[in-house]
Amino acid sequence: MAKDAAARNSAIDKMLARAAETGDVPGVVAMASDRDGSIYEGAFGKRVLGQPAAMSPDTVAWIASMTKAITGAAAMQLVEQGKLDLDAPAAAVVSELEQAQVLEGFDAAGQPKLRPPKRPITLRHLLTHTAGFGYEIWNGDIAAYQTAKNVPGIISCQNAALQTPLLFDPGEKWYYGINIDWAGKMVEAVSGKRLGAYMHEHLFAPLGMTSTAFKIAPTMRERLAKIHQRGDDDVLTPLLDLEIPQDAEFDMGGGGLYSTAGDYLKFVRMILNRGKANGTQVLSPETVDQMTRNNMGDARVSLLKTVAPTLSNDAEFFPGMSKTWGLSFQINDEAAPTGRPAGGLMWAGLANSYYWIDPKTGIGGVYLTQVLPFADKKALPLYYAFETAFYS
């Protein structure tokens, strides 16, 4: 068995090294774990193309929407304690949600036409992306609303960025958007702490995640990889100034964290171990079981159609396959092409970082690169190949 693992790991090393050498990705860090500990670790290429620093296992990257699962875990800790309720009106905790209205179109002057929603938004709606919120990257109506009402984009981390309308009534379907940012606001409201401070105390410290934060500490910055833009000619250019605001008005629970592959793997391993890490029960086994099953009924995950092609391609994992959503992970309802069995969990970050968690087999992995647009034609297939190596 050890010989098989060594051969597999050597083949992964060669595959990832080749991808960095040929310029498919600027650099990549990939790691995998079973319930007991790490089973693969590799780092190849450069943190910033044109600069000498090599990618290393402790390289810090913007993990973007990989933040969502951590915010979900924070919220579920507070559900366990009775401080949050999955199915009560969320506006009872964060009153600004009372202002959320459904967008029905635009008038002749380009101003939005709005109506009240048929039912209140709940924390379960927010954690499953069924509340009705969207992202401007994948929805032209949200972008048009932002223009009409002078609302900043979500990456600005300004509170005003959360004031976008619902695209449908809460609970009607799945649609990816700023839902988890609102869930983060709920964590802050009942904990009395800024989201990053709450996460540090109740998740990062118990899990030993020492290089994960919304604000990049000096010790993290010296290991930071930069985001690269893929041009029409396939050439990757480093975007040296692109960074989540470090003086943010709010900690963006939907996508603001910086982390390392090793740190995130500790979170993955905690989920694999049904909430236990370093002898501490961070979440109860029953809570993890609840988080890792479908929480949105008959709704299904669907294609994200880009309206901002420099930021994202059209995006959907395993098209044509039924996918549901937990609290807060995508769940594949049938065996995935990578070999991951039904009931597996995954999601990703905008700059082409990905993870999967397989409770059935007891393995999971993290893959970090820093490339735009999302669902990149080179970086995403490389992630799939990395995951597939553990099932072939």
Protein backbone atom coordinates (compact mmCIF):
# COMPACT_ATOMS: atom_id res chain seq x y z
CA MET A 1 0.00 0.00 0.00
CA ALA A 2 2.84 2.39 0.90
CA LYS A 3 4.42 1.61 -2.47
CA ASP A 4 1.16 2.49 -4.26
CA ALA A 5 0.95 5.81 -2.38
CA ALA A 6 4.56 6.64 -3.22
CA ALA A 7 3.93 5.94 -6.92
CA ARG A 8 0.76 8.03 -6.87
CA ASN A 9 2.48 10.94 -5.14
CA SER A 10 5.40 10.81 -7.57
CA ALA A 11 2.98 10.91 -10.52
CA ILE A 12 1.17 13.92 -8.98
CA ASP A 13 4.50 15.70 -8.46
CA LYS A 14 5.38 15.24 -12.14
CA MET A 15 1.93 16.40 -13.33
CA LEU A 16 1.92 19.58 -11.20
CA ALA A 17 5.58 20.38 -11.95
CA ARG A 18 4.88 20.06 -15.69
CA ALA A 19 1.87 22.39 -15.43
CA ALA A 20 4.02 25.07 -13.75
CA GLU A 21 6.93 24.59 -16.18
CA THR A 22 4.72 24.90 -19.28
CA GLY A 23 2.92 27.99 -17.94
CA ASP A 24 -0.49 26.34 -17.49
CA VAL A 25 -0.42 27.82 -13.97
CA PRO A 26 2.04 30.33 -12.47
CA GLY A 27 2.42 28.18 -9.38
CA VAL A 28 0.41 25.61 -7.48
CA VAL A 29 0.25 24.12 -4.00
CA ALA A 30 -1.73 20.91 -3.56
CA MET A 31 -2.30 18.78 -0.47
CA ALA A 32 -4.46 15.85 0.54
CA SER A 33 -5.35 14.19 3.81
CA ASP A 34 -7.13 11.21 5.26
CA ARG A 35 -8.72 11.31 8.72
CA ASP A 36 -5.36 10.73 10.42
CA GLY A 37 -3.13 13.19 8.63
CA SER A 38 -1.52 14.38 5.42
CA ILE A 39 -1.11 11.88 2.56
CA TYR A 40 0.24 14.25 -0.12
CA GLU A 41 1.96 17.64 -0.25
CA GLY A 42 3.48 19.42 -3.22
CA ALA A 43 4.35 22.97 -4.34
CA PHE A 44 5.58 23.98 -7.80
CA GLY A 45 6.18 27.11 -9.84
CA LYS A 46 6.39 30.72 -8.70
CA ARG A 47 4.39 32.86 -6.27
CA VAL A 48 4.68 35.72 -8.75
CA LEU A 49 5.78 35.20 -12.35
CA GLY A 50 8.97 37.15 -13.04
CA GLN A 51 10.04 37.09 -9.40
CA PRO A 52 12.37 34.55 -7.76
CA ALA A 53 10.18 33.32 -4.86
CA ALA A 54 9.09 29.72 -5.40
CA MET A 55 5.71 28.35 -4.40
CA SER A 56 6.11 26.47 -1.13
CA PRO A 57 3.75 24.48 1.11
CA ASP A 58 3.36 27.54 3.37
CA THR A 59 2.56 29.99 0.54
CA VAL A 60 -0.33 32.30 1.42
CA ALA A 61 -3.09 32.80 -1.15
CA TRP A 62 -6.47 34.52 -1.42
CA ILE A 63 -8.87 31.61 -0.97
CA ALA A 64 -11.95 33.71 -1.89
CA SER A 65 -15.14 31.61 -1.68
CA MET A 66 -13.40 28.77 0.14
CA THR A 67 -14.12 31.22 3.01
CA LYS A 68 -17.81 30.28 2.80
CA ALA A 69 -17.50 26.84 4.40
CA ILE A 70 -15.61 28.36 7.34
CA THR A 71 -18.29 31.05 7.81
CA GLY A 72 -20.87 28.26 7.65
CA ALA A 73 -19.02 26.38 10.40
CA ALA A 74 -18.92 29.53 12.55
CA ALA A 75 -22.66 30.04 12.11
CA MET A 76 -23.37 26.40 12.94
CA GLN A 77 -21.37 26.66 16.18
CA LEU A 78 -23.81 29.39 17.21
CA VAL A 79 -26.79 27.31 16.06
CA GLU A 80 -25.53 24.54 18.37
CA GLN A 81 -25.45 27.02 21.24
CA GLY A 82 -29.01 28.21 20.53
CA LYS A 83 -27.81 31.71 19.65
CA LEU A 84 -28.84 31.37 16.00
CA ASP A 85 -31.81 29.53 14.47
CA LEU A 86 -31.63 28.08 10.97
CA ASP A 87 -35.31 28.68 10.20
CA ALA A 88 -36.24 31.88 12.07
CA PRO A 89 -36.36 35.20 10.17
CA ALA A 90 -32.74 36.35 9.81
CA ALA A 91 -33.86 40.00 10.06
CA ALA A 92 -34.54 39.40 13.76
CA VAL A 93 -30.73 39.15 14.11
CA VAL A 94 -29.58 41.54 11.35
CA SER A 95 -32.28 44.17 10.87
CA GLU A 96 -30.88 45.39 7.54
CA LEU A 97 -32.27 42.23 5.93
CA GLU A 98 -35.77 43.68 6.44
CA GLN A 99 -34.94 46.07 3.58
CA ALA A 100 -34.30 43.26 1.07
CA GLN A 101 -36.77 43.41 -1.83
CA VAL A 102 -37.25 41.34 -4.97
CA LEU A 103 -36.14 42.92 -8.25
CA GLU A 104 -38.84 42.67 -10.92
CA GLY A 105 -37.02 44.54 -13.69
CA PHE A 106 -36.21 48.13 -14.61
CA ASP A 107 -38.36 51.03 -15.77
CA ALA A 108 -37.78 53.11 -18.91
CA ALA A 109 -35.34 55.34 -17.01
CA GLY A 110 -33.26 52.33 -15.95
CA GLN A 111 -34.46 52.47 -12.34
CA PRO A 112 -35.21 49.17 -10.56
CA LYS A 113 -38.76 47.96 -9.93
CA LEU A 114 -38.96 46.25 -6.54
CA ARG A 115 -41.52 44.41 -4.41
CA PRO A 116 -41.48 42.85 -0.93
CA PRO A 117 -40.53 39.16 -0.77
CA LYS A 118 -43.29 36.59 -0.14
CA ARG A 119 -41.49 35.14 2.90
CA PRO A 120 -38.66 36.15 5.23
CA ILE A 121 -35.04 35.18 4.61
CA THR A 122 -33.66 32.58 7.04
CA LEU A 123 -30.13 31.53 7.95
CA ARG A 124 -30.78 28.23 6.14
CA HIS A 125 -31.63 30.19 2.97
CA LEU A 126 -28.39 32.15 3.33
CA LEU A 127 -26.19 29.08 3.95
CA THR A 128 -27.71 27.21 0.98
CA HIS A 129 -27.75 30.14 -1.50
CA THR A 130 -31.52 30.00 -1.77
CA ALA A 131 -32.27 33.45 -0.27
CA GLY A 132 -32.40 35.17 -3.68
CA PHE A 133 -29.15 37.16 -3.63
CA GLY A 134 -26.77 37.11 -6.59
CA TYR A 135 -23.28 38.22 -7.60
CA GLU A 136 -22.61 40.87 -10.23
CA ILE A 137 -20.04 38.57 -11.90
CA TRP A 138 -22.78 36.14 -12.98
CA ASN A 139 -25.87 38.35 -13.11
CA GLY A 140 -26.39 41.37 -15.36
CA ASP A 141 -29.40 42.60 -13.37
CA ILE A 142 -27.29 42.88 -10.21
CA ALA A 143 -24.64 44.79 -12.19
CA ALA A 144 -27.36 47.09 -13.62
CA TYR A 145 -28.80 47.67 -10.14
CA GLN A 146 -25.35 48.58 -8.80
CA THR A 147 -24.98 51.12 -11.62
CA ALA A 148 -28.48 52.57 -11.14
CA LYS A 149 -28.15 52.91 -7.37
CA ASN A 150 -24.39 53.55 -7.15
CA VAL A 151 -23.83 50.39 -5.06
CA PRO A 152 -20.19 49.27 -4.85
CA GLY A 153 -19.09 45.76 -5.82
CA ILE A 154 -18.82 43.12 -3.11
CA ILE A 155 -15.00 42.91 -3.35
CA SER A 156 -14.89 46.48 -1.99
CA CYS A 157 -15.90 45.05 1.42
CA GLN A 158 -18.04 48.14 2.01
CA ASN A 159 -21.28 47.64 3.93
CA ALA A 160 -23.12 49.39 1.07
CA ALA A 161 -22.09 46.50 -1.22
CA LEU A 162 -24.58 44.26 0.59
CA GLN A 163 -27.53 46.45 -0.42
CA THR A 164 -28.43 44.57 -3.60
CA PRO A 165 -31.91 43.16 -4.27
CA LEU A 166 -33.20 39.60 -4.31
CA LEU A 167 -33.63 37.99 -7.73
CA PHE A 168 -36.52 35.77 -6.56
CA ASP A 169 -38.46 34.93 -3.40
CA PRO A 170 -36.47 33.22 -0.63
CA GLY A 171 -36.45 29.43 -0.82
CA GLU A 172 -37.54 29.14 -4.46
CA LYS A 173 -34.26 27.99 -6.02
CA TRP A 174 -30.48 27.93 -5.75
CA TYR A 175 -28.56 30.98 -6.95
CA TYR A 176 -25.02 31.88 -5.98
CA GLY A 177 -24.52 35.26 -4.33
CA ILE A 178 -23.71 37.36 -1.27
CA ASN A 179 -25.72 35.11 1.06
CA ILE A 180 -22.77 34.00 3.20
CA ASP A 181 -21.66 37.60 3.72
CA TRP A 182 -25.01 38.10 5.47
CA ALA A 183 -24.49 34.89 7.45
CA GLY A 184 -21.18 36.38 8.61
CA LYS A 185 -23.05 39.50 9.74
CA MET A 186 -25.34 37.22 11.79
CA VAL A 187 -22.31 35.60 13.45
CA GLU A 188 -21.04 39.07 14.36
CA ALA A 189 -24.43 40.20 15.69
CA VAL A 190 -24.85 37.36 18.18
CA SER A 191 -21.18 36.88 19.13
CA GLY A 192 -20.45 40.58 19.61
CA LYS A 193 -17.17 40.08 17.74
CA ARG A 194 -15.87 40.99 14.30
CA LEU A 195 -16.06 37.88 12.11
CA GLY A 196 -12.29 37.43 11.85
CA ALA A 197 -11.89 37.68 15.63
CA TYR A 198 -14.68 35.14 16.18
CA MET A 199 -13.13 32.73 13.65
CA HIS A 200 -9.68 33.09 15.19
CA GLU A 201 -10.95 32.26 18.67
CA HIS A 202 -13.39 29.47 17.83
CA LEU A 203 -11.98 27.86 14.66
CA PHE A 204 -8.45 28.91 13.68
CA ALA A 205 -6.84 28.59 17.13
CA PRO A 206 -8.44 25.20 17.98
CA LEU A 207 -7.57 23.85 14.52
CA GLY A 208 -4.02 25.24 14.52
CA MET A 209 -4.68 27.45 11.46
CA THR A 210 -1.92 29.99 12.09
CA SER A 211 -1.80 31.59 8.62
CA THR A 212 -5.48 32.27 7.96
CA ALA A 213 -7.01 35.74 8.33
CA PHE A 214 -8.95 38.50 6.59
CA LYS A 215 -6.08 40.92 7.27
CA ILE A 216 -2.71 39.85 5.89
CA ALA A 217 -0.23 39.85 8.78
CA PRO A 218 3.43 40.76 7.98
CA THR A 219 4.46 37.11 8.48
CA MET A 220 1.80 36.09 5.94
CA ARG A 221 2.66 38.84 3.44
CA GLU A 222 6.24 37.63 3.07
CA ARG A 223 4.80 34.30 1.78
CA LEU A 224 2.01 35.78 -0.37
CA ALA A 225 1.33 34.63 -3.94
CA LYS A 226 -0.19 37.16 -6.31
CA ILE A 227 -3.19 36.73 -8.60
CA HIS A 228 -2.44 36.38 -12.33
CA GLN A 229 -4.74 37.24 -15.25
CA ARG A 230 -4.92 34.92 -18.24
CA GLY A 231 -5.05 36.93 -21.45
CA ASP A 232 -6.70 36.02 -24.74
CA ASP A 233 -3.25 34.86 -25.87
CA ASP A 234 -3.09 32.46 -22.85
CA VAL A 235 -0.24 34.48 -21.33
CA LEU A 236 -0.44 34.95 -17.54
CA THR A 237 0.24 38.45 -16.17
CA PRO A 238 0.64 39.12 -12.44
CA LEU A 239 -1.85 41.63 -11.00
CA LEU A 240 0.45 43.06 -8.35
CA ASP A 241 -2.07 45.52 -6.87
CA LEU A 242 -5.14 43.24 -6.72
CA GLU A 243 -5.92 42.52 -3.08
CA ILE A 244 -8.92 42.39 -0.75
CA PRO A 245 -9.07 45.78 1.06
CA GLN A 246 -6.98 45.61 4.20
CA ASP A 247 -9.00 48.40 5.84
CA ALA A 248 -12.31 46.70 5.06
CA GLU A 249 -15.58 47.96 6.55
CA PHE A 250 -16.63 44.36 7.13
CA ASP A 251 -14.95 40.95 7.12
CA MET A 252 -16.28 39.34 3.94
CA GLY A 253 -17.55 35.97 5.12
CA GLY A 254 -18.33 35.02 1.53
CA GLY A 255 -14.82 35.44 0.20
CA GLY A 256 -12.34 37.54 2.16
CA LEU A 257 -9.90 35.07 3.73
CA TYR A 258 -6.24 34.55 2.95
CA SER A 259 -4.82 31.15 3.92
CA THR A 260 -2.42 28.33 3.10
CA ALA A 261 -3.19 24.88 1.71
CA GLY A 262 -1.96 23.33 4.95
CA ASP A 263 -4.22 25.50 7.09
CA TYR A 264 -7.26 24.78 4.96
CA LEU A 265 -6.47 21.06 5.02
CA LYS A 266 -6.86 21.20 8.82
CA PHE A 267 -10.40 22.48 8.31
CA VAL A 268 -11.04 19.71 5.76
CA ARG A 269 -9.73 17.10 8.22
CA MET A 270 -11.98 18.46 10.98
CA ILE A 271 -15.02 17.89 8.74
CA LEU A 272 -13.74 14.37 7.86
CA ASN A 273 -13.50 13.68 11.61
CA ARG A 274 -17.08 14.89 12.23
CA GLY A 275 -16.04 18.06 14.03
CA LYS A 276 -13.05 16.82 16.00
CA ALA A 277 -9.55 18.29 15.78
CA ASN A 278 -6.54 18.05 18.10
CA GLY A 279 -8.68 16.29 20.70
CA THR A 280 -11.21 19.15 20.68
CA GLN A 281 -14.80 18.87 19.42
CA VAL A 282 -15.06 22.09 17.37
CA LEU A 283 -18.51 21.10 16.06
CA SER A 284 -20.67 18.23 17.29
CA PRO A 285 -20.79 15.12 15.06
CA GLU A 286 -24.54 15.69 14.60
CA THR A 287 -23.93 19.26 13.40
CA VAL A 288 -21.35 18.10 10.85
CA ASP A 289 -23.77 15.42 9.65
CA GLN A 290 -26.40 18.13 9.20
CA MET A 291 -23.96 20.43 7.37
CA THR A 292 -22.90 17.71 4.94
CA ARG A 293 -26.33 16.68 3.65
CA ASN A 294 -28.78 18.43 1.33
CA ASN A 295 -30.43 21.39 3.08
CA MET A 296 -32.32 22.93 0.16
CA GLY A 297 -34.97 20.38 -0.72
CA ASP A 298 -35.75 20.00 -4.42
CA ALA A 299 -33.56 22.92 -5.56
CA ARG A 300 -30.41 22.02 -7.51
CA VAL A 301 -27.10 23.75 -8.20
CA SER A 302 -27.04 25.20 -11.72
CA LEU A 303 -24.67 26.80 -14.23
CA LEU A 304 -23.20 30.22 -13.38
CA LYS A 305 -23.31 32.16 -16.65
CA THR A 306 -20.62 34.83 -16.71
CA VAL A 307 -21.27 38.51 -17.42
CA ALA A 308 -17.66 39.40 -16.49
CA PRO A 309 -15.40 37.18 -18.62
CA THR A 310 -12.13 38.61 -17.25
CA LEU A 311 -13.20 37.44 -13.77
CA SER A 312 -14.99 34.18 -14.54
CA ASN A 313 -15.76 31.78 -17.33
CA ASP A 314 -19.15 30.06 -17.34
CA ALA A 315 -18.86 27.82 -14.31
CA GLU A 316 -20.39 24.57 -13.18
CA PHE A 317 -18.72 21.52 -11.66
CA PHE A 318 -19.72 18.24 -13.33
CA PRO A 319 -22.41 19.60 -15.72
CA GLY A 320 -25.38 17.33 -16.20
CA MET A 321 -25.00 15.79 -12.75
CA SER A 322 -27.41 16.43 -9.87
CA LYS A 323 -25.81 18.64 -7.20
CA THR A 324 -27.33 19.90 -3.96
CA TRP A 325 -26.05 22.17 -1.18
CA GLY A 326 -25.28 21.67 2.48
CA LEU A 327 -24.30 24.26 5.12
CA SER A 328 -22.17 25.41 3.20
CA PHE A 329 -20.77 23.00 0.60
CA GLN A 330 -21.80 21.72 -2.82
CA ILE A 331 -22.75 18.01 -2.65
CA ASN A 332 -22.49 15.66 -5.63
CA ASP A 333 -25.59 13.44 -5.56
CA GLU A 334 -23.96 10.76 -7.71
CA ALA A 335 -20.41 9.56 -8.27
CA ALA A 336 -18.28 12.33 -9.81
CA PRO A 337 -16.09 11.83 -12.92
CA THR A 338 -13.03 12.21 -10.67
CA GLY A 339 -14.02 9.04 -8.78
CA ARG A 340 -15.35 10.87 -5.73
CA PRO A 341 -18.41 8.93 -4.52
CA ALA A 342 -21.91 10.35 -4.07
CA GLY A 343 -22.22 12.53 -0.99
CA GLY A 344 -18.86 14.23 -1.52
CA LEU A 345 -18.43 17.93 -0.76
CA MET A 346 -16.54 20.64 -2.61
CA TRP A 347 -16.30 24.27 -3.51
CA ALA A 348 -13.78 26.78 -4.77
CA GLY A 349 -12.35 30.28 -4.75
CA LEU A 350 -12.53 32.81 -7.58
CA ALA A 351 -8.76 32.76 -8.28
CA ASN A 352 -8.92 29.01 -9.07
CA SER A 353 -8.47 27.48 -5.65
CA TYR A 354 -10.44 24.29 -4.99
CA TYR A 355 -11.10 21.72 -2.27
CA TRP A 356 -13.02 18.49 -1.84
CA ILE A 357 -14.11 16.53 1.22
CA ASP A 358 -15.16 12.88 0.85
CA PRO A 359 -16.80 11.67 4.09
CA LYS A 360 -17.40 8.18 2.64
CA THR A 361 -13.79 7.38 1.68
CA GLY A 362 -12.34 9.59 4.41
CA ILE A 363 -10.10 11.71 2.22
CA GLY A 364 -10.03 15.33 1.12
CA GLY A 365 -7.76 17.74 -0.67
CA VAL A 366 -6.86 21.38 -1.26
CA TYR A 367 -5.46 22.91 -4.45
CA LEU A 368 -4.33 26.55 -4.57
CA THR A 369 -3.31 28.59 -7.56
CA GLN A 370 -3.89 32.31 -8.20
CA VAL A 371 -5.36 32.77 -11.67
CA LEU A 372 -8.27 34.67 -13.18
CA PRO A 373 -10.74 34.06 -14.75
CA PHE A 374 -12.46 31.48 -12.52
CA ALA A 375 -13.00 27.95 -13.91
CA ASP A 376 -9.81 28.55 -15.90
CA LYS A 377 -9.29 26.29 -18.91
CA LYS A 378 -5.90 25.10 -17.61
CA ALA A 379 -6.18 25.41 -13.80
CA LEU A 380 -9.55 23.65 -13.37
CA PRO A 381 -8.67 20.50 -15.39
CA LEU A 382 -5.42 20.31 -13.40
CA TYR A 383 -7.45 20.35 -10.17
CA TYR A 384 -9.69 17.57 -11.49
CA ALA A 385 -6.61 15.52 -12.41
CA PHE A 386 -5.19 16.05 -8.91
CA GLU A 387 -8.39 14.81 -7.27
CA THR A 388 -8.72 11.89 -9.71
CA ALA A 389 -5.23 10.65 -8.74
CA PHE A 390 -6.59 9.65 -5.31
CA TYR A 391 -9.33 7.48 -6.78
CA SER A 392 -7.68 5.88 -9.82
